[in-house]
Amino acid sequence: MIDAIVRSSTRIGIAFPMQSGQFQVSRFSLDSAGKAVDSMRSAVIKEVPPAKGSRGQQS
């Protein structure tokens, strides 16, 4: 679900509560996020052996 949101959005914002009762908001660009996630997954598949009892399925 989050993967689909990231791939279809251009920005994400996260609000952090402050002690004063106000919020600090940080916004991040998601340009090329899909490519970055694909690259990360490819690297993990190459480096991490399948878990014991795994049939090679991804979640």
PDB file of N, CA and C in Angstrom:
ATOM      1  N   MET A   1       0.818  -1.178   0.000  1.00  0.00           N
ATOM      2  CA  MET A   1       0.000   0.000   0.000  1.00  0.00           C
ATOM      3  C   MET A   1       0.879   1.266   0.000  1.00  0.00           C
ATOM      4  N   ILE A   2       1.856   1.321   0.874  1.00  0.00           N
ATOM      5  CA  ILE A   2       2.738   2.489   0.922  1.00  0.00           C
ATOM      6  C   ILE A   2       3.531   2.603  -0.373  1.00  0.00           C
ATOM      7  N   ASP A   3       3.947   1.463  -0.918  1.00  0.00           N
ATOM      8  CA  ASP A   3       4.691   1.486  -2.176  1.00  0.00           C
ATOM      9  C   ASP A   3       3.867   2.168  -3.269  1.00  0.00           C
ATOM     10  N   ALA A   4       2.597   1.845  -3.368  1.00  0.00           N
ATOM     11  CA  ALA A   4       1.728   2.455  -4.386  1.00  0.00           C
ATOM     12  C   ALA A   4       1.574   3.953  -4.143  1.00  0.00           C
ATOM     13  N   ILE A   5       1.447   4.351  -2.888  1.00  0.00           N
ATOM     14  CA  ILE A   5       1.313   5.779  -2.567  1.00  0.00           C
ATOM     15  C   ILE A   5       2.577   6.530  -2.961  1.00  0.00           C
ATOM     16  N   VAL A   6       3.728   5.978  -2.613  1.00  0.00           N
ATOM     17  CA  VAL A   6       5.006   6.637  -2.930  1.00  0.00           C
ATOM     18  C   VAL A   6       5.190   6.754  -4.435  1.00  0.00           C
ATOM     19  N   ARG A   7       4.827   5.716  -5.157  1.00  0.00           N
ATOM     20  CA  ARG A   7       5.017   5.728  -6.610  1.00  0.00           C
ATOM     21  C   ARG A   7       4.053   6.672  -7.323  1.00  0.00           C
ATOM     22  N   SER A   8       2.913   6.984  -6.704  1.00  0.00           N
ATOM     23  CA  SER A   8       1.927   7.848  -7.368  1.00  0.00           C
ATOM     24  C   SER A   8       1.923   9.281  -6.825  1.00  0.00           C
ATOM     25  N   SER A   9       2.793   9.590  -5.880  1.00  0.00           N
ATOM     26  CA  SER A   9       2.834  10.930  -5.276  1.00  0.00           C
ATOM     27  C   SER A   9       4.111  11.659  -5.671  1.00  0.00           C
ATOM     28  N   THR A  10       4.091  12.979  -5.512  1.00  0.00           N
ATOM     29  CA  THR A  10       5.279  13.766  -5.834  1.00  0.00           C
ATOM     30  C   THR A  10       6.002  14.251  -4.585  1.00  0.00           C
ATOM     31  N   ARG A  11       5.276  14.339  -3.454  1.00  0.00           N
ATOM     32  CA  ARG A  11       5.891  14.782  -2.198  1.00  0.00           C
ATOM     33  C   ARG A  11       5.243  14.064  -1.020  1.00  0.00           C
ATOM     34  N   ILE A  12       5.974  14.025   0.080  1.00  0.00           N
ATOM     35  CA  ILE A  12       5.442  13.499   1.332  1.00  0.00           C
ATOM     36  C   ILE A  12       5.792  14.500   2.432  1.00  0.00           C
ATOM     37  N   GLY A  13       4.890  14.670   3.356  1.00  0.00           N
ATOM     38  CA  GLY A  13       5.137  15.568   4.480  1.00  0.00           C
ATOM     39  C   GLY A  13       4.952  14.821   5.786  1.00  0.00           C
ATOM     40  N   ILE A  14       5.796  15.110   6.748  1.00  0.00           N
ATOM     41  CA  ILE A  14       5.718  14.487   8.068  1.00  0.00           C
ATOM     42  C   ILE A  14       5.653  15.600   9.101  1.00  0.00           C
ATOM     43  N   ALA A  15       4.658  15.520   9.981  1.00  0.00           N
ATOM     44  CA  ALA A  15       4.489  16.528  11.027  1.00  0.00           C
ATOM     45  C   ALA A  15       4.987  15.964  12.357  1.00  0.00           C
ATOM     46  N   PHE A  16       5.874  16.702  13.005  1.00  0.00           N
ATOM     47  CA  PHE A  16       6.446  16.302  14.279  1.00  0.00           C
ATOM     48  C   PHE A  16       5.895  17.200  15.375  1.00  0.00           C
ATOM     49  N   PRO A  17       5.288  16.620  16.419  1.00  0.00           N
ATOM     50  CA  PRO A  17       4.781  17.460  17.510  1.00  0.00           C
ATOM     51  C   PRO A  17       5.939  18.039  18.324  1.00  0.00           C
ATOM     52  N   MET A  18       5.797  19.303  18.698  1.00  0.00           N
ATOM     53  CA  MET A  18       6.812  19.981  19.495  1.00  0.00           C
ATOM     54  C   MET A  18       6.288  20.151  20.924  1.00  0.00           C
ATOM     55  N   GLN A  19       7.187  20.375  21.866  1.00  0.00           N
ATOM     56  CA  GLN A  19       6.791  20.563  23.253  1.00  0.00           C
ATOM     57  C   GLN A  19       5.874  21.767  23.428  1.00  0.00           C
ATOM     58  N   SER A  20       5.962  22.742  22.556  1.00  0.00           N
ATOM     59  CA  SER A  20       5.157  23.960  22.652  1.00  0.00           C
ATOM     60  C   SER A  20       3.697  23.727  22.253  1.00  0.00           C
ATOM     61  N   GLY A  21       3.400  22.532  21.729  1.00  0.00           N
ATOM     62  CA  GLY A  21       2.054  22.263  21.254  1.00  0.00           C
ATOM     63  C   GLY A  21       1.894  22.513  19.763  1.00  0.00           C
ATOM     64  N   GLN A  22       2.913  23.102  19.151  1.00  0.00           N
ATOM     65  CA  GLN A  22       2.891  23.327  17.709  1.00  0.00           C
ATOM     66  C   GLN A  22       3.528  22.130  17.013  1.00  0.00           C
ATOM     67  N   PHE A  23       3.539  22.160  15.694  1.00  0.00           N
ATOM     68  CA  PHE A  23       4.125  21.087  14.903  1.00  0.00           C
ATOM     69  C   PHE A  23       5.226  21.629  14.002  1.00  0.00           C
ATOM     70  N   GLN A  24       6.248  20.840  13.800  1.00  0.00           N
ATOM     71  CA  GLN A  24       7.294  21.117  12.819  1.00  0.00           C
ATOM     72  C   GLN A  24       7.019  20.187  11.642  1.00  0.00           C
ATOM     73  N   VAL A  25       6.879  20.735  10.458  1.00  0.00           N
ATOM     74  CA  VAL A  25       6.562  19.936   9.286  1.00  0.00           C
ATOM     75  C   VAL A  25       7.782  19.861   8.379  1.00  0.00           C
ATOM     76  N   SER A  26       8.106  18.653   7.956  1.00  0.00           N
ATOM     77  CA  SER A  26       9.181  18.451   6.979  1.00  0.00           C
ATOM     78  C   SER A  26       8.558  17.844   5.728  1.00  0.00           C
ATOM     79  N   ARG A  27       8.923  18.370   4.585  1.00  0.00           N
ATOM     80  CA  ARG A  27       8.410  17.873   3.311  1.00  0.00           C
ATOM     81  C   ARG A  27       9.574  17.339   2.487  1.00  0.00           C
ATOM     82  N   PHE A  28       9.309  16.240   1.808  1.00  0.00           N
ATOM     83  CA  PHE A  28      10.341  15.583   1.021  1.00  0.00           C
ATOM     84  C   PHE A  28       9.822  15.312  -0.383  1.00  0.00           C
ATOM     85  N   SER A  29      10.672  15.511  -1.371  1.00  0.00           N
ATOM     86  CA  SER A  29      10.333  15.206  -2.758  1.00  0.00           C
ATOM     87  C   SER A  29      10.403  13.693  -2.961  1.00  0.00           C
ATOM     88  N   LEU A  30       9.491  13.169  -3.748  1.00  0.00           N
ATOM     89  CA  LEU A  30       9.497  11.745  -4.072  1.00  0.00           C
ATOM     90  C   LEU A  30       9.926  11.498  -5.517  1.00  0.00           C
ATOM     91  N   ASP A  31      10.522  12.530  -6.145  1.00  0.00           N
ATOM     92  CA  ASP A  31      11.040  12.338  -7.499  1.00  0.00           C
ATOM     93  C   ASP A  31      12.044  11.191  -7.475  1.00  0.00           C
ATOM     94  N   SER A  32      11.887  10.262  -8.362  1.00  0.00           N
ATOM     95  CA  SER A  32      12.776   9.091  -8.494  1.00  0.00           C
ATOM     96  C   SER A  32      12.690   8.124  -7.319  1.00  0.00           C
ATOM     97  N   ALA A  33      11.697   8.261  -6.449  1.00  0.00           N
ATOM     98  CA  ALA A  33      11.560   7.343  -5.311  1.00  0.00           C
ATOM     99  C   ALA A  33      11.327   5.910  -5.787  1.00  0.00           C
ATOM    100  N   GLY A  34      10.521   5.747  -6.822  1.00  0.00           N
ATOM    101  CA  GLY A  34      10.256   4.408  -7.351  1.00  0.00           C
ATOM    102  C   GLY A  34      11.528   3.729  -7.841  1.00  0.00           C
ATOM    103  N   LYS A  35      12.364   4.484  -8.541  1.00  0.00           N
ATOM    104  CA  LYS A  35      13.644   3.930  -9.022  1.00  0.00           C
ATOM    105  C   LYS A  35      14.552   3.563  -7.852  1.00  0.00           C
ATOM    106  N   ALA A  36      14.550   4.400  -6.812  1.00  0.00           N
ATOM    107  CA  ALA A  36      15.393   4.129  -5.647  1.00  0.00           C
ATOM    108  C   ALA A  36      14.938   2.867  -4.925  1.00  0.00           C
ATOM    109  N   VAL A  37      13.632   2.692  -4.781  1.00  0.00           N
ATOM    110  CA  VAL A  37      13.103   1.493  -4.114  1.00  0.00           C
ATOM    111  C   VAL A  37      13.412   0.255  -4.942  1.00  0.00           C
ATOM    112  N   ASP A  38      13.244   0.340  -6.251  1.00  0.00           N
ATOM    113  CA  ASP A  38      13.572  -0.795  -7.118  1.00  0.00           C
ATOM    114  C   ASP A  38      15.053  -1.162  -7.010  1.00  0.00           C
ATOM    115  N   SER A  39      15.921  -0.157  -6.979  1.00  0.00           N
ATOM    116  CA  SER A  39      17.358  -0.388  -6.858  1.00  0.00           C
ATOM    117  C   SER A  39      17.696  -1.045  -5.522  1.00  0.00           C
ATOM    118  N   MET A  40      17.064  -0.564  -4.448  1.00  0.00           N
ATOM    119  CA  MET A  40      17.303  -1.134  -3.122  1.00  0.00           C
ATOM    120  C   MET A  40      16.863  -2.592  -3.079  1.00  0.00           C
ATOM    121  N   ARG A  41      15.691  -2.875  -3.625  1.00  0.00           N
ATOM    122  CA  ARG A  41      15.192  -4.256  -3.623  1.00  0.00           C
ATOM    123  C   ARG A  41      16.113  -5.174  -4.420  1.00  0.00           C
ATOM    124  N   SER A  42      16.592  -4.709  -5.568  1.00  0.00           N
ATOM    125  CA  SER A  42      17.507  -5.516  -6.379  1.00  0.00           C
ATOM    126  C   SER A  42      18.790  -5.825  -5.618  1.00  0.00           C
ATOM    127  N   ALA A  43      19.328  -4.824  -4.925  1.00  0.00           N
ATOM    128  CA  ALA A  43      20.552  -5.023  -4.154  1.00  0.00           C
ATOM    129  C   ALA A  43      20.336  -6.023  -3.025  1.00  0.00           C
ATOM    130  N   VAL A  44      19.199  -5.941  -2.353  1.00  0.00           N
ATOM    131  CA  VAL A  44      18.910  -6.865  -1.250  1.00  0.00           C
ATOM    132  C   VAL A  44      18.766  -8.290  -1.772  1.00  0.00           C
ATOM    133  N   ILE A  45      18.075  -8.457  -2.884  1.00  0.00           N
ATOM    134  CA  ILE A  45      17.889  -9.789  -3.456  1.00  0.00           C
ATOM    135  C   ILE A  45      19.230 -10.422  -3.801  1.00  0.00           C
ATOM    136  N   LYS A  46      20.172  -9.615  -4.286  1.00  0.00           N
ATOM    137  CA  LYS A  46      21.496 -10.128  -4.646  1.00  0.00           C
ATOM    138  C   LYS A  46      22.335 -10.482  -3.424  1.00  0.00           C
ATOM    139  N   GLU A  47      22.190  -9.742  -2.325  1.00  0.00           N
ATOM    140  CA  GLU A  47      23.073  -9.875  -1.172  1.00  0.00           C
ATOM    141  C   GLU A  47      22.544 -10.739  -0.032  1.00  0.00           C
ATOM    142  N   VAL A  48      21.235 -10.844   0.104  1.00  0.00           N
ATOM    143  CA  VAL A  48      20.663 -11.542   1.256  1.00  0.00           C
ATOM    144  C   VAL A  48      20.133 -12.894   0.809  1.00  0.00           C
ATOM    145  N   PRO A  49      20.639 -13.974   1.420  1.00  0.00           N
ATOM    146  CA  PRO A  49      20.129 -15.297   1.058  1.00  0.00           C
ATOM    147  C   PRO A  49      18.675 -15.448   1.528  1.00  0.00           C
ATOM    148  N   PRO A  50      17.895 -16.275   0.821  1.00  0.00           N
ATOM    149  CA  PRO A  50      16.507 -16.484   1.239  1.00  0.00           C
ATOM    150  C   PRO A  50      16.438 -17.039   2.664  1.00  0.00           C
ATOM    151  N   ALA A  51      15.416 -16.674   3.387  1.00  0.00           N
ATOM    152  CA  ALA A  51      15.233 -17.169   4.754  1.00  0.00           C
ATOM    153  C   ALA A  51      14.987 -18.667   4.720  1.00  0.00           C
ATOM    154  N   LYS A  52      15.391 -19.337   5.769  1.00  0.00           N
ATOM    155  CA  LYS A  52      15.202 -20.772   5.871  1.00  0.00           C
ATOM    156  C   LYS A  52      13.715 -21.080   5.785  1.00  0.00           C
ATOM    157  N   GLY A  53      13.353 -21.999   4.906  1.00  0.00           N
ATOM    158  CA  GLY A  53      11.952 -22.351   4.713  1.00  0.00           C
ATOM    159  C   GLY A  53      11.239 -21.464   3.718  1.00  0.00           C
ATOM    160  N   SER A  54      11.952 -20.446   3.194  1.00  0.00           N
ATOM    161  CA  SER A  54      11.359 -19.535   2.225  1.00  0.00           C
ATOM    162  C   SER A  54      11.317 -20.196   0.862  1.00  0.00           C
ATOM    163  N   ARG A  55      10.330 -19.846   0.084  1.00  0.00           N
ATOM    164  CA  ARG A  55      10.220 -20.371  -1.274  1.00  0.00           C
ATOM    165  C   ARG A  55      10.558 -19.300  -2.288  1.00  0.00           C
ATOM    166  N   GLY A  56      11.266 -18.244  -1.838  1.00  0.00           N
ATOM    167  CA  GLY A  56      11.683 -17.189  -2.737  1.00  0.00           C
ATOM    168  C   GLY A  56      10.598 -16.194  -3.056  1.00  0.00           C
ATOM    169  N   GLN A  57       9.538 -16.199  -2.257  1.00  0.00           N
ATOM    170  CA  GLN A  57       8.444 -15.273  -2.496  1.00  0.00           C
ATOM    171  C   GLN A  57       8.721 -13.951  -1.828  1.00  0.00           C
ATOM    172  N   GLN A  58       8.332 -12.871  -2.492  1.00  0.00           N
ATOM    173  CA  GLN A  58       8.478 -11.531  -1.925  1.00  0.00           C
ATOM    174  C   GLN A  58       7.141 -11.078  -1.408  1.00  0.00           C
ATOM    175  N   SER A  59       7.155 -10.283  -0.321  1.00  0.00           N
ATOM    176  CA  SER A  59       5.894  -9.732   0.186  1.00  0.00           C
ATOM    177  C   SER A  59       5.763  -8.301  -0.219  1.00  0.00           C
TER     178      SER A  59
END
